[in-house]
Structures are given as structure tokens and as C-alpha cells.
Amino acid sequence: MTIPELAALCGLSSGHFSEAFARTFGLPPHRYVLELRLEHAERLLRETDTPIPEVAFLSGFSSQSHLTHMMRAHWGKTPNKVRAG
């Protein structure tokens, strides 16, 4: 769902929805969802032997390189380092 769709469900403008979401959850909607996806990928990497490209797909990333880029940019580590512990 997009922010405008979520905002409409709540009867708010997109701007008001984003502000209220950030106040409630401490992050803007996009960043919140990204963090959830990264946390899901991290769990899969630590708890399974699922190949990294499949972990990326299961976590909503377009490719292994996209997952790697986002992990490195936001957490300072790569999927291989997460898997190694």
C-alpha cells in the first residue's frame, strides 16, 4: 500500500498521516517498513541456511545486491557478516 492509500483509510492527508505515523512509531513510514524488512532478512540469515538471494526475495528486496546495499547503508554490515555472526 502507498502512503496516500493508507492516509485515505485513516481520513488524513498524506502529510498528516506521515507526521502522525512518525510520532507514534519514531520513524517515517518508509523507514519503518525498511527496518522491518532488514530485521526479517537478519533473522533468516542467522536462523536458516537459506541462500542470500532467496533471503533478499523473501524480505522484499529486488536482488541480493539491493539487500547488501541497504544493510551496509543502514546497519554498516553485509548479509555475509550477519550470517557469520
PDB file of N, CA and C in Angstrom:
ATOM      1  N   MET A   1       0.839  -1.187   0.000  1.00  0.00           N
ATOM      2  CA  MET A   1       0.000   0.000   0.000  1.00  0.00           C
ATOM      3  C   MET A   1       0.879   1.243   0.000  1.00  0.00           C
ATOM      4  N   THR A   2       0.374   2.258  -0.605  1.00  0.00           N
ATOM      5  CA  THR A   2       1.104   3.520  -0.645  1.00  0.00           C
ATOM      6  C   THR A   2       0.688   4.402   0.534  1.00  0.00           C
ATOM      7  N   ILE A   3       1.481   5.421   0.793  1.00  0.00           N
ATOM      8  CA  ILE A   3       1.142   6.356   1.868  1.00  0.00           C
ATOM      9  C   ILE A   3      -0.194   7.049   1.577  1.00  0.00           C
ATOM     10  N   PRO A   4      -0.439   7.512   0.353  1.00  0.00           N
ATOM     11  CA  PRO A   4      -1.765   8.110   0.099  1.00  0.00           C
ATOM     12  C   PRO A   4      -2.931   7.143   0.353  1.00  0.00           C
ATOM     13  N   GLU A   5      -2.740   5.865   0.030  1.00  0.00           N
ATOM     14  CA  GLU A   5      -3.803   4.889   0.295  1.00  0.00           C
ATOM     15  C   GLU A   5      -4.011   4.699   1.791  1.00  0.00           C
ATOM     16  N   LEU A   6      -2.931   4.585   2.541  1.00  0.00           N
ATOM     17  CA  LEU A   6      -3.044   4.446   3.995  1.00  0.00           C
ATOM     18  C   LEU A   6      -3.664   5.686   4.614  1.00  0.00           C
ATOM     19  N   ALA A   7      -3.228   6.857   4.137  1.00  0.00           N
ATOM     20  CA  ALA A   7      -3.777   8.117   4.651  1.00  0.00           C
ATOM     21  C   ALA A   7      -5.272   8.199   4.399  1.00  0.00           C
ATOM     22  N   ALA A   8      -5.710   7.791   3.212  1.00  0.00           N
ATOM     23  CA  ALA A   8      -7.136   7.833   2.889  1.00  0.00           C
ATOM     24  C   ALA A   8      -7.937   6.921   3.807  1.00  0.00           C
ATOM     25  N   LEU A   9      -7.382   5.747   4.129  1.00  0.00           N
ATOM     26  CA  LEU A   9      -8.068   4.837   5.051  1.00  0.00           C
ATOM     27  C   LEU A   9      -8.269   5.469   6.424  1.00  0.00           C
ATOM     28  N   CYS A  10      -7.319   6.321   6.797  1.00  0.00           N
ATOM     29  CA  CYS A  10      -7.385   6.975   8.108  1.00  0.00           C
ATOM     30  C   CYS A  10      -8.115   8.317   8.051  1.00  0.00           C
ATOM     31  N   GLY A  11      -8.493   8.741   6.862  1.00  0.00           N
ATOM     32  CA  GLY A  11      -9.163  10.026   6.722  1.00  0.00           C
ATOM     33  C   GLY A  11      -8.228  11.201   6.911  1.00  0.00           C
ATOM     34  N   LEU A  12      -6.954  11.017   6.558  1.00  0.00           N
ATOM     35  CA  LEU A  12      -5.948  12.063   6.721  1.00  0.00           C
ATOM     36  C   LEU A  12      -5.289  12.373   5.387  1.00  0.00           C
ATOM     37  N   SER A  13      -4.662  13.540   5.321  1.00  0.00           N
ATOM     38  CA  SER A  13      -3.825  13.826   4.155  1.00  0.00           C
ATOM     39  C   SER A  13      -2.542  13.004   4.287  1.00  0.00           C
ATOM     40  N   SER A  14      -1.828  12.856   3.199  1.00  0.00           N
ATOM     41  CA  SER A  14      -0.576  12.095   3.239  1.00  0.00           C
ATOM     42  C   SER A  14       0.411  12.704   4.237  1.00  0.00           C
ATOM     43  N   GLY A  15       0.492  14.024   4.235  1.00  0.00           N
ATOM     44  CA  GLY A  15       1.414  14.702   5.152  1.00  0.00           C
ATOM     45  C   GLY A  15       1.053  14.475   6.612  1.00  0.00           C
ATOM     46  N   HIS A  16      -0.230  14.617   6.935  1.00  0.00           N
ATOM     47  CA  HIS A  16      -0.660  14.401   8.318  1.00  0.00           C
ATOM     48  C   HIS A  16      -0.467  12.942   8.733  1.00  0.00           C
ATOM     49  N   PHE A  17      -0.763  12.023   7.813  1.00  0.00           N
ATOM     50  CA  PHE A  17      -0.558  10.608   8.118  1.00  0.00           C
ATOM     51  C   PHE A  17       0.910  10.341   8.430  1.00  0.00           C
ATOM     52  N   SER A  18       1.814  10.814   7.574  1.00  0.00           N
ATOM     53  CA  SER A  18       3.249  10.585   7.774  1.00  0.00           C
ATOM     54  C   SER A  18       3.735  11.179   9.093  1.00  0.00           C
ATOM     55  N   GLU A  19       3.265  12.371   9.418  1.00  0.00           N
ATOM     56  CA  GLU A  19       3.647  13.006  10.682  1.00  0.00           C
ATOM     57  C   GLU A  19       3.136  12.211  11.879  1.00  0.00           C
ATOM     58  N   ALA A  20       1.886  11.807  11.830  1.00  0.00           N
ATOM     59  CA  ALA A  20       1.304  11.036  12.938  1.00  0.00           C
ATOM     60  C   ALA A  20       1.998   9.681  13.072  1.00  0.00           C
ATOM     61  N   PHE A  21       2.289   9.046  11.955  1.00  0.00           N
ATOM     62  CA  PHE A  21       2.980   7.757  11.976  1.00  0.00           C
ATOM     63  C   PHE A  21       4.346   7.909  12.627  1.00  0.00           C
ATOM     64  N   ALA A  22       5.096   8.926  12.217  1.00  0.00           N
ATOM     65  CA  ALA A  22       6.438   9.146  12.765  1.00  0.00           C
ATOM     66  C   ALA A  22       6.386   9.462  14.255  1.00  0.00           C
ATOM     67  N   ARG A  23       5.391  10.219  14.686  1.00  0.00           N
ATOM     68  CA  ARG A  23       5.242  10.498  16.129  1.00  0.00           C
ATOM     69  C   ARG A  23       4.949   9.219  16.899  1.00  0.00           C
ATOM     70  N   THR A  24       4.123   8.370  16.328  1.00  0.00           N
ATOM     71  CA  THR A  24       3.710   7.142  17.005  1.00  0.00           C
ATOM     72  C   THR A  24       4.810   6.089  17.023  1.00  0.00           C
ATOM     73  N   PHE A  25       5.462   5.877  15.898  1.00  0.00           N
ATOM     74  CA  PHE A  25       6.421   4.783  15.767  1.00  0.00           C
ATOM     75  C   PHE A  25       7.885   5.220  15.789  1.00  0.00           C
ATOM     76  N   GLY A  26       8.131   6.519  15.792  1.00  0.00           N
ATOM     77  CA  GLY A  26       9.501   7.019  15.884  1.00  0.00           C
ATOM     78  C   GLY A  26      10.268   7.042  14.580  1.00  0.00           C
ATOM     79  N   LEU A  27       9.634   6.628  13.494  1.00  0.00           N
ATOM     80  CA  LEU A  27      10.265   6.619  12.176  1.00  0.00           C
ATOM     81  C   LEU A  27       9.214   6.963  11.131  1.00  0.00           C
ATOM     82  N   PRO A  28       9.634   7.560  10.023  1.00  0.00           N
ATOM     83  CA  PRO A  28       8.682   7.749   8.926  1.00  0.00           C
ATOM     84  C   PRO A  28       8.228   6.389   8.387  1.00  0.00           C
ATOM     85  N   PRO A  29       7.066   6.330   7.745  1.00  0.00           N
ATOM     86  CA  PRO A  29       6.535   5.036   7.285  1.00  0.00           C
ATOM     87  C   PRO A  29       7.516   4.225   6.438  1.00  0.00           C
ATOM     88  N   HIS A  30       8.162   4.846   5.463  1.00  0.00           N
ATOM     89  CA  HIS A  30       9.068   4.098   4.590  1.00  0.00           C
ATOM     90  C   HIS A  30      10.225   3.497   5.383  1.00  0.00           C
ATOM     91  N   ARG A  31      10.798   4.287   6.274  1.00  0.00           N
ATOM     92  CA  ARG A  31      11.930   3.801   7.072  1.00  0.00           C
ATOM     93  C   ARG A  31      11.490   2.681   8.013  1.00  0.00           C
ATOM     94  N   TYR A  32      10.291   2.795   8.572  1.00  0.00           N
ATOM     95  CA  TYR A  32       9.754   1.759   9.461  1.00  0.00           C
ATOM     96  C   TYR A  32       9.645   0.427   8.720  1.00  0.00           C
ATOM     97  N   VAL A  33       9.069   0.466   7.524  1.00  0.00           N
ATOM     98  CA  VAL A  33       8.917  -0.756   6.731  1.00  0.00           C
ATOM     99  C   VAL A  33      10.286  -1.306   6.333  1.00  0.00           C
ATOM    100  N   LEU A  34      11.208  -0.427   5.957  1.00  0.00           N
ATOM    101  CA  LEU A  34      12.560  -0.865   5.608  1.00  0.00           C
ATOM    102  C   LEU A  34      13.227  -1.572   6.783  1.00  0.00           C
ATOM    103  N   GLU A  35      13.100  -1.017   7.969  1.00  0.00           N
ATOM    104  CA  GLU A  35      13.678  -1.655   9.159  1.00  0.00           C
ATOM    105  C   GLU A  35      13.070  -3.031   9.407  1.00  0.00           C
ATOM    106  N   LEU A  36      11.754  -3.155   9.224  1.00  0.00           N
ATOM    107  CA  LEU A  36      11.108  -4.467   9.385  1.00  0.00           C
ATOM    108  C   LEU A  36      11.662  -5.470   8.377  1.00  0.00           C
ATOM    109  N   ARG A  37      11.848  -5.028   7.132  1.00  0.00           N
ATOM    110  CA  ARG A  37      12.372  -5.918   6.102  1.00  0.00           C
ATOM    111  C   ARG A  37      13.810  -6.322   6.405  1.00  0.00           C
ATOM    112  N   LEU A  38      14.630  -5.370   6.873  1.00  0.00           N
ATOM    113  CA  LEU A  38      16.012  -5.691   7.228  1.00  0.00           C
ATOM    114  C   LEU A  38      16.061  -6.647   8.421  1.00  0.00           C
ATOM    115  N   GLU A  39      15.201  -6.439   9.399  1.00  0.00           N
ATOM    116  CA  GLU A  39      15.163  -7.336  10.558  1.00  0.00           C
ATOM    117  C   GLU A  39      14.733  -8.743  10.146  1.00  0.00           C
ATOM    118  N   HIS A  40      13.785  -8.829   9.225  1.00  0.00           N
ATOM    119  CA  HIS A  40      13.351 -10.140   8.729  1.00  0.00           C
ATOM    120  C   HIS A  40      14.510 -10.837   8.007  1.00  0.00           C
ATOM    121  N   ALA A  41      15.212 -10.103   7.174  1.00  0.00           N
ATOM    122  CA  ALA A  41      16.371 -10.666   6.473  1.00  0.00           C
ATOM    123  C   ALA A  41      17.428 -11.128   7.474  1.00  0.00           C
ATOM    124  N   GLU A  42      17.670 -10.329   8.493  1.00  0.00           N
ATOM    125  CA  GLU A  42      18.654 -10.704   9.510  1.00  0.00           C
ATOM    126  C   GLU A  42      18.265 -12.007  10.200  1.00  0.00           C
ATOM    127  N   ARG A  43      16.987 -12.147  10.562  1.00  0.00           N
ATOM    128  CA  ARG A  43      16.523 -13.396  11.190  1.00  0.00           C
ATOM    129  C   ARG A  43      16.756 -14.584  10.272  1.00  0.00           C
ATOM    130  N   LEU A  44      16.402 -14.437   9.002  1.00  0.00           N
ATOM    131  CA  LEU A  44      16.597 -15.527   8.050  1.00  0.00           C
ATOM    132  C   LEU A  44      18.079 -15.882   7.911  1.00  0.00           C
ATOM    133  N   LEU A  45      18.923 -14.870   7.883  1.00  0.00           N
ATOM    134  CA  LEU A  45      20.360 -15.120   7.735  1.00  0.00           C
ATOM    135  C   LEU A  45      20.931 -15.828   8.963  1.00  0.00           C
ATOM    136  N   ARG A  46      20.480 -15.435  10.130  1.00  0.00           N
ATOM    137  CA  ARG A  46      21.010 -16.028  11.369  1.00  0.00           C
ATOM    138  C   ARG A  46      20.423 -17.407  11.670  1.00  0.00           C
ATOM    139  N   GLU A  47      19.144 -17.611  11.337  1.00  0.00           N
ATOM    140  CA  GLU A  47      18.439 -18.808  11.795  1.00  0.00           C
ATOM    141  C   GLU A  47      18.239 -19.879  10.722  1.00  0.00           C
ATOM    142  N   THR A  48      18.582 -19.583   9.482  1.00  0.00           N
ATOM    143  CA  THR A  48      18.398 -20.561   8.410  1.00  0.00           C
ATOM    144  C   THR A  48      19.649 -20.604   7.538  1.00  0.00           C
ATOM    145  N   ASP A  49      19.681 -21.560   6.655  1.00  0.00           N
ATOM    146  CA  ASP A  49      20.760 -21.603   5.677  1.00  0.00           C
ATOM    147  C   ASP A  49      20.228 -21.245   4.284  1.00  0.00           C
ATOM    148  N   THR A  50      19.139 -20.500   4.258  1.00  0.00           N
ATOM    149  CA  THR A  50      18.544 -20.032   3.013  1.00  0.00           C
ATOM    150  C   THR A  50      19.579 -19.196   2.255  1.00  0.00           C
ATOM    151  N   PRO A  51      19.753 -19.450   0.968  1.00  0.00           N
ATOM    152  CA  PRO A  51      20.717 -18.662   0.185  1.00  0.00           C
ATOM    153  C   PRO A  51      20.378 -17.163   0.223  1.00  0.00           C
ATOM    154  N   ILE A  52      21.403 -16.340   0.204  1.00  0.00           N
ATOM    155  CA  ILE A  52      21.212 -14.893   0.336  1.00  0.00           C
ATOM    156  C   ILE A  52      20.284 -14.321  -0.744  1.00  0.00           C
ATOM    157  N   PRO A  53      20.380 -14.740  -2.003  1.00  0.00           N
ATOM    158  CA  PRO A  53      19.421 -14.197  -2.983  1.00  0.00           C
ATOM    159  C   PRO A  53      17.966 -14.498  -2.607  1.00  0.00           C
ATOM    160  N   GLU A  54      17.715 -15.673  -2.054  1.00  0.00           N
ATOM    161  CA  GLU A  54      16.359 -16.016  -1.630  1.00  0.00           C
ATOM    162  C   GLU A  54      15.956 -15.223  -0.395  1.00  0.00           C
ATOM    163  N   VAL A  55      16.895 -14.997   0.533  1.00  0.00           N
ATOM    164  CA  VAL A  55      16.626 -14.150   1.703  1.00  0.00           C
ATOM    165  C   VAL A  55      16.212 -12.764   1.235  1.00  0.00           C
ATOM    166  N   ALA A  56      16.923 -12.241   0.238  1.00  0.00           N
ATOM    167  CA  ALA A  56      16.588 -10.918  -0.303  1.00  0.00           C
ATOM    168  C   ALA A  56      15.153 -10.923  -0.832  1.00  0.00           C
ATOM    169  N   PHE A  57      14.819 -11.914  -1.637  1.00  0.00           N
ATOM    170  CA  PHE A  57      13.474 -12.009  -2.203  1.00  0.00           C
ATOM    171  C   PHE A  57      12.416 -12.133  -1.108  1.00  0.00           C
ATOM    172  N   LEU A  58      12.649 -13.009  -0.145  1.00  0.00           N
ATOM    173  CA  LEU A  58      11.678 -13.233   0.930  1.00  0.00           C
ATOM    174  C   LEU A  58      11.495 -12.015   1.828  1.00  0.00           C
ATOM    175  N   SER A  59      12.486 -11.132   1.819  1.00  0.00           N
ATOM    176  CA  SER A  59      12.441  -9.928   2.651  1.00  0.00           C
ATOM    177  C   SER A  59      11.962  -8.703   1.877  1.00  0.00           C
ATOM    178  N   GLY A  60      11.615  -8.906   0.611  1.00  0.00           N
ATOM    179  CA  GLY A  60      11.053  -7.804  -0.169  1.00  0.00           C
ATOM    180  C   GLY A  60      12.055  -6.949  -0.909  1.00  0.00           C
ATOM    181  N   PHE A  61      13.290  -7.417  -1.044  1.00  0.00           N
ATOM    182  CA  PHE A  61      14.297  -6.671  -1.787  1.00  0.00           C
ATOM    183  C   PHE A  61      14.352  -7.196  -3.219  1.00  0.00           C
ATOM    184  N   SER A  62      14.700  -6.337  -4.150  1.00  0.00           N
ATOM    185  CA  SER A  62      14.666  -6.707  -5.558  1.00  0.00           C
ATOM    186  C   SER A  62      15.791  -7.650  -5.957  1.00  0.00           C
ATOM    187  N   SER A  63      16.870  -7.672  -5.182  1.00  0.00           N
ATOM    188  CA  SER A  63      18.014  -8.531  -5.503  1.00  0.00           C
ATOM    189  C   SER A  63      18.927  -8.646  -4.295  1.00  0.00           C
ATOM    190  N   GLN A  64      19.888  -9.550  -4.403  1.00  0.00           N
ATOM    191  CA  GLN A  64      20.892  -9.685  -3.349  1.00  0.00           C
ATOM    192  C   GLN A  64      21.682  -8.391  -3.210  1.00  0.00           C
ATOM    193  N   SER A  65      22.006  -7.753  -4.332  1.00  0.00           N
ATOM    194  CA  SER A  65      22.790  -6.520  -4.250  1.00  0.00           C
ATOM    195  C   SER A  65      21.996  -5.400  -3.587  1.00  0.00           C
ATOM    196  N   HIS A  66      20.678  -5.372  -3.811  1.00  0.00           N
ATOM    197  CA  HIS A  66      19.837  -4.367  -3.151  1.00  0.00           C
ATOM    198  C   HIS A  66      19.835  -4.598  -1.636  1.00  0.00           C
ATOM    199  N   LEU A  67      19.675  -5.842  -1.216  1.00  0.00           N
ATOM    200  CA  LEU A  67      19.734  -6.171   0.209  1.00  0.00           C
ATOM    201  C   LEU A  67      21.089  -5.781   0.790  1.00  0.00           C
ATOM    202  N   THR A  68      22.151  -6.151   0.098  1.00  0.00           N
ATOM    203  CA  THR A  68      23.505  -5.832   0.579  1.00  0.00           C
ATOM    204  C   THR A  68      23.691  -4.328   0.712  1.00  0.00           C
ATOM    205  N   HIS A  69      23.271  -3.588  -0.295  1.00  0.00           N
ATOM    206  CA  HIS A  69      23.399  -2.129  -0.267  1.00  0.00           C
ATOM    207  C   HIS A  69      22.639  -1.529   0.914  1.00  0.00           C
ATOM    208  N   MET A  70      21.398  -1.976   1.124  1.00  0.00           N
ATOM    209  CA  MET A  70      20.584  -1.406   2.200  1.00  0.00           C
ATOM    210  C   MET A  70      21.133  -1.790   3.575  1.00  0.00           C
ATOM    211  N   MET A  71      21.580  -3.032   3.747  1.00  0.00           N
ATOM    212  CA  MET A  71      22.162  -3.433   5.032  1.00  0.00           C
ATOM    213  C   MET A  71      23.414  -2.620   5.337  1.00  0.00           C
ATOM    214  N   ARG A  72      24.260  -2.482   4.340  1.00  0.00           N
ATOM    215  CA  ARG A  72      25.506  -1.738   4.544  1.00  0.00           C
ATOM    216  C   ARG A  72      25.203  -0.267   4.839  1.00  0.00           C
ATOM    217  N   ALA A  73      24.268   0.313   4.101  1.00  0.00           N
ATOM    218  CA  ALA A  73      23.941   1.729   4.275  1.00  0.00           C
ATOM    219  C   ALA A  73      23.292   2.017   5.622  1.00  0.00           C
ATOM    220  N   HIS A  74      22.438   1.113   6.094  1.00  0.00           N
ATOM    221  CA  HIS A  74      21.669   1.386   7.313  1.00  0.00           C
ATOM    222  C   HIS A  74      22.260   0.746   8.562  1.00  0.00           C
ATOM    223  N   TRP A  75      22.957  -0.358   8.419  1.00  0.00           N
ATOM    224  CA  TRP A  75      23.469  -1.071   9.583  1.00  0.00           C
ATOM    225  C   TRP A  75      24.985  -1.217   9.580  1.00  0.00           C
ATOM    226  N   GLY A  76      25.643  -0.871   8.468  1.00  0.00           N
ATOM    227  CA  GLY A  76      27.093  -0.961   8.407  1.00  0.00           C
ATOM    228  C   GLY A  76      27.632  -2.380   8.329  1.00  0.00           C
ATOM    229  N   LYS A  77      26.813  -3.326   7.885  1.00  0.00           N
ATOM    230  CA  LYS A  77      27.272  -4.704   7.746  1.00  0.00           C
ATOM    231  C   LYS A  77      26.605  -5.336   6.536  1.00  0.00           C
ATOM    232  N   THR A  78      27.210  -6.380   6.033  1.00  0.00           N
ATOM    233  CA  THR A  78      26.693  -7.074   4.858  1.00  0.00           C
ATOM    234  C   THR A  78      25.960  -8.344   5.284  1.00  0.00           C
ATOM    235  N   PRO A  79      25.157  -8.918   4.392  1.00  0.00           N
ATOM    236  CA  PRO A  79      24.493 -10.190   4.726  1.00  0.00           C
ATOM    237  C   PRO A  79      25.484 -11.283   5.108  1.00  0.00           C
ATOM    238  N   ASN A  80      26.626 -11.357   4.446  1.00  0.00           N
ATOM    239  CA  ASN A  80      27.626 -12.372   4.798  1.00  0.00           C
ATOM    240  C   ASN A  80      28.130 -12.185   6.222  1.00  0.00           C
ATOM    241  N   LYS A  81      28.343 -10.927   6.644  1.00  0.00           N
ATOM    242  CA  LYS A  81      28.801 -10.682   8.019  1.00  0.00           C
ATOM    243  C   LYS A  81      27.719 -11.014   9.026  1.00  0.00           C
ATOM    244  N   VAL A  82      26.480 -10.729   8.690  1.00  0.00           N
ATOM    245  CA  VAL A  82      25.362 -11.070   9.572  1.00  0.00           C
ATOM    246  C   VAL A  82      25.307 -12.589   9.732  1.00  0.00           C
ATOM    247  N   ARG A  83      25.398 -13.305   8.628  1.00  0.00           N
ATOM    248  CA  ARG A  83      25.319 -14.761   8.673  1.00  0.00           C
ATOM    249  C   ARG A  83      26.488 -15.345   9.479  1.00  0.00           C
ATOM    250  N   ALA A  84      27.669 -14.774   9.348  1.00  0.00           N
ATOM    251  CA  ALA A  84      28.857 -15.285  10.059  1.00  0.00           C
ATOM    252  C   ALA A  84      28.764 -15.016  11.559  1.00  0.00           C
ATOM    253  N   GLY A  85      27.922 -14.082  11.927  1.00  0.00           N
ATOM    254  CA  GLY A  85      27.775 -13.789  13.360  1.00  0.00           C
ATOM    255  C   GLY A  85      28.599 -12.662  13.735  1.00  0.00           C
TER     256      GLY A  85
END
